[in-house]
Amino acid sequence: MKEKLKEESIALLKKLIATPSFSREEENTAAILEEFLNAKGLKISRQQNNIWSYNKNFDPARPTILLNSHHDTVKPNAGYTRDPFFPGIQDGKLYGLGSNDAGGCLVSLIAAFLYFYERDDLKYNLCLAATAEEEISGKNGLELIIPQLGTLDFAIVGEPTLLDLAIAERGLMVLDCISKGKAGHAAREEGDNAIYKALKDIEWFRTYRFPRESELFGPLKMSVTVINAGSQHNVVPATCEFTVDVRVTDAYQNEEVLDIIRQHVSCEVNARSTRLKPSSINKDHPIVLAGLAMGRQTYGSPTTSDQALLSIPSLKVGPGDSARSHMADEFIYIEEINQGIDFYISLLEEVIS
């Protein structure tokens, strides 16, 4: 059965690669996934470009594991030397946009889901979700369908990690800050220079260390990345606007960090969003212990994924290498996909059987 699943997974991934699926434009790959799963006799739900299904013997009395990965891609960068939509195989590598991020993970999770689909002796239900808009952290991807998935106990999020276990992931907040002063003529002692007021707060962002530090990531990181003020050389500026990139660790929640920042600075602080949360799973969680028993390593991931939208424990793991994501001439090794399928099946077997 595994060998057939592996052959079908490679064929499915080739179809996905050959079909453009930029974020917000994934309707054609959603149709491919829907057709593939329907052909397997699965009961499918679809909302916009998100597809999900449950194991055949779903029992509402049992806890449920979410198996999630995405089928949208970024746009190919200018460095491509190959056709990004041609799924060519060379030297054991399957090339194409989305092959590594995250097509290999997605088809491997689908294979694992199909492997357990008919089983009636499972301790957990399985919910498979192939979702959209991950690359832009969009609101019409996983976030859209979470309320319809029912109670979920924990998740496996398929992203390329070389099959190591990302047990935590940084969250992200982008802050728009405004320091307000009073305009005046630069030649006279008048006005209240908003730039000088902003400098004090910018220095605070540069030097402040939050009391709690993550075991995996260390201190929370804040970076001022954009600044804008002034209209002409002889006018004292009344406002100074600047942007702060905040990478929140698993030691804090986004709202908590925002409250602390507002207590320490004089500028007005507005978060564009607090929805991209830091995520983590306990090192002693059964799914993590199962991965460790298989010889995998744990680490904290600096990159953001759909984990940021989940309020349940989640483990990010999958075939492929994050370093290849978004690169020109993206590829994944065929053997990595085969290993990914074996890994997901063995990992789940330890927990749900």
Foldseek 3Di string as FASTA:
>chain_A
DLVVLLVVLLVLLLVLQLDAAAFVRNQVNLVSVVVVVVVVVFDWDDDRSKIKGKAPQDDPVAAEEEEEAESHFHDADPPAPDDQSHQDDDPQKGWHTCAQRFSLQLSLSVSLCSVCRHDPQWRYMYMYMHWGDFVVPDCRTPVVCVVVPPHHAEYEYEHADQQFKAFKEWFKWKKKWKFFKFKDFQVDPDIGASVVLVVVLQVCLVDDWDPDADPFHGTKHKDWDDKDFDDDDGMRTGMIITMMMTTHTPVDQQVVVVVVSVVPGDIDIDIPDRQQTMAGDDCPPLLNVLSVVVVHHYHHHHDGGCRSNDPHRYIYGFFHHPVQGSDHRRIGRSVSSSVRNVSVNSSVVSPTD
